[in-house]
C-alpha atoms as a PDB file:
ATOM      1  CA  MET A   1     131.704  48.706 155.742  1.00  0.00           C
ATOM      2  CA  GLY A   2     129.076  46.489 157.309  1.00  0.00           C
ATOM      3  CA  PHE A   3     127.029  43.792 155.664  1.00  0.00           C
ATOM      4  CA  ASN A   4     124.159  45.088 153.568  1.00  0.00           C
ATOM      5  CA  ALA A   5     121.619  42.677 152.072  1.00  0.00           C
ATOM      6  CA  ASP A   6     120.953  45.157 149.244  1.00  0.00           C
ATOM      7  CA  SER A   7     124.501  44.611 148.049  1.00  0.00           C
ATOM      8  CA  LEU A   8     123.519  41.023 147.211  1.00  0.00           C
ATOM      9  CA  ALA A   9     120.962  42.108 144.604  1.00  0.00           C
ATOM     10  CA  PRO A  10     121.793  40.928 141.079  1.00  0.00           C
ATOM     11  CA  LEU A  11     124.504  43.100 139.579  1.00  0.00           C
ATOM     12  CA  LEU A  12     123.955  44.987 136.337  1.00  0.00           C
ATOM     13  CA  THR A  13     126.262  44.762 133.348  1.00  0.00           C
ATOM     14  CA  PRO A  14     127.568  47.956 131.743  1.00  0.00           C
ATOM     15  CA  THR A  15     125.158  47.393 128.845  1.00  0.00           C
ATOM     16  CA  GLN A  16     122.176  47.074 131.196  1.00  0.00           C
ATOM     17  CA  THR A  17     123.272  50.107 133.191  1.00  0.00           C
ATOM     18  CA  ALA A  18     123.800  52.162 130.042  1.00  0.00           C
ATOM     19  CA  GLU A  19     120.328  51.227 128.836  1.00  0.00           C
ATOM     20  CA  ILE A  20     118.790  52.286 132.162  1.00  0.00           C
ATOM     21  CA  LEU A  21     120.623  55.636 132.044  1.00  0.00           C
ATOM     22  CA  GLY A  22     120.065  56.220 128.336  1.00  0.00           C
ATOM     23  CA  VAL A  23     123.765  56.418 127.509  1.00  0.00           C
ATOM     24  CA  SER A  24     126.195  54.165 125.671  1.00  0.00           C
ATOM     25  CA  PRO A  25     128.394  51.576 127.377  1.00  0.00           C
ATOM     26  CA  ALA A  26     131.331  53.603 126.015  1.00  0.00           C
ATOM     27  CA  ALA A  27     130.099  56.609 128.000  1.00  0.00           C
ATOM     28  CA  LEU A  28     130.143  54.536 131.196  1.00  0.00           C
ATOM     29  CA  GLU A  29     133.684  53.419 130.403  1.00  0.00           C
ATOM     30  CA  ALA A  30     134.757  57.039 129.875  1.00  0.00           C
ATOM     31  CA  TRP A  31     133.117  58.063 133.158  1.00  0.00           C
ATOM     32  CA  ARG A  32     134.978  55.301 135.002  1.00  0.00           C
ATOM     33  CA  SER A  33     138.344  56.249 133.553  1.00  0.00           C
ATOM     34  CA  ARG A  34     137.980  60.055 133.752  1.00  0.00           C
ATOM     35  CA  GLY A  35     135.846  60.272 136.839  1.00  0.00           C
ATOM     36  CA  ILE A  36     132.588  62.172 137.050  1.00  0.00           C
ATOM     37  CA  THR A  37     130.963  64.091 139.879  1.00  0.00           C
ATOM     38  CA  PRO A  38     129.234  62.538 141.658  1.00  0.00           C
ATOM     39  CA  PRO A  39     130.990  59.277 140.794  1.00  0.00           C
ATOM     40  CA  LEU A  40     128.959  56.249 139.717  1.00  0.00           C
ATOM     41  CA  PRO A  41     130.245  53.389 141.896  1.00  0.00           C
ATOM     42  CA  PHE A  42     131.044  50.110 140.187  1.00  0.00           C
ATOM     43  CA  CYS A  43     132.240  46.668 141.231  1.00  0.00           C
ATOM     44  CA  LYS A  44     134.965  44.559 139.700  1.00  0.00           C
ATOM     45  CA  VAL A  45     134.210  40.842 139.476  1.00  0.00           C
ATOM     46  CA  GLY A  46     137.447  39.467 138.151  1.00  0.00           C
ATOM     47  CA  ARG A  47     137.957  41.534 135.011  1.00  0.00           C
ATOM     48  CA  LEU A  48     134.255  42.307 134.658  1.00  0.00           C
ATOM     49  CA  VAL A  49     132.676  45.631 135.600  1.00  0.00           C
ATOM     50  CA  ARG A  50     129.300  45.463 137.320  1.00  0.00           C
ATOM     51  CA  TYR A  51     126.934  47.996 138.896  1.00  0.00           C
ATOM     52  CA  ARG A  52     124.672  47.590 141.918  1.00  0.00           C
ATOM     53  CA  PRO A  53     121.109  48.716 141.179  1.00  0.00           C
ATOM     54  CA  SER A  54     121.040  50.630 144.483  1.00  0.00           C
ATOM     55  CA  ASP A  55     124.166  52.587 143.454  1.00  0.00           C
ATOM     56  CA  VAL A  56     122.663  53.452 140.072  1.00  0.00           C
ATOM     57  CA  SER A  57     119.471  54.649 141.752  1.00  0.00           C
ATOM     58  CA  ALA A  58     121.396  56.727 144.312  1.00  0.00           C
ATOM     59  CA  TRP A  59     123.532  58.226 141.537  1.00  0.00           C
ATOM     60  CA  VAL A  60     120.458  59.280 139.573  1.00  0.00           C
ATOM     61  CA  SER A  61     118.978  60.819 142.734  1.00  0.00           C
ATOM     62  CA  ALA A  62     122.185  62.758 143.392  1.00  0.00           C
ATOM     63  CA  ARG A  63     122.080  64.182 139.857  1.00  0.00           C
ATOM     64  CA  THR A  64     118.413  65.179 139.972  1.00  0.00           C
ATOM     65  CA  HIS A  65     117.810  68.936 139.811  1.00  0.00           C
ATOM     66  CA  VAL A  66     114.660  70.988 140.041  1.00  0.00           C
ATOM     67  CA  THR A  67     116.195  74.043 138.396  1.00  0.00           C
ATOM     68  CA  THR A  68     119.295  74.753 136.364  1.00  0.00           C
ATOM     69  CA  THR A  69     120.344  77.516 138.778  1.00  0.00           C
ATOM     70  CA  ARG A  70     122.003  75.116 141.229  1.00  0.00           C
ATOM     71  CA  LEU A  71     123.564  73.151 138.394  1.00  0.00           C
ATOM     72  CA  GLU A  72     125.096  76.308 136.942  1.00  0.00           C
ATOM     73  CA  ARG A  73     126.423  77.324 140.382  1.00  0.00           C
ATOM     74  CA  VAL A  74     128.040  73.895 140.800  1.00  0.00           C
ATOM     75  CA  ARG A  75     129.629  74.195 137.353  1.00  0.00           C
ATOM     76  CA  GLN A  76     131.031  77.602 138.255  1.00  0.00           C
ATOM     77  CA  GLU A  77     132.396  76.273 141.556  1.00  0.00           C
ATOM     78  CA  MET A  78     134.032  73.334 139.782  1.00  0.00           C
ATOM     79  CA  ALA A  79     135.575  75.675 137.194  1.00  0.00           C
ATOM     80  CA  GLY A  80     136.951  77.850 140.006  1.00  0.00           C
ATOM     81  CA  ARG A  81     138.658  74.854 141.614  1.00  0.00           C
ATOM     82  CA  GLY A  82     140.553  74.172 138.436  1.00  0.00           C
ATOM     83  CA  SER A  83     142.152  77.601 138.341  1.00  0.00           C
ATOM     84  CA  THR A  84     145.438  78.366 139.999  1.00  0.00           C
ATOM     85  CA  GLY A  85     145.767  81.377 142.238  1.00  0.00           C
END
C-alpha cells in the first residue's frame, strides 16, 4: 500500500466509533471477532483498537441501501454459500 495522507487523520476509539454508528462498543468487538460483511477495518496500536474515520465512512457507504430488495438478495446469497452440496 502506498502512503495516504488521509491515514494520518486522528484515529477514533471504539467508543467514539460506536457512538458515530449508534451501536455499543461491545457490538464493535463482536464484529471484529466474528467478522461482518463488509468488514469494518480497524488498526491495532499496541494493544489498542482504533478506527480511521475514512474507513468508518466507507463502511457506512458500503452498507447503504435504497431498497430492501438488494439486501434480501444478498442475505439469500450468503445463506446459500453456507450450505453444503
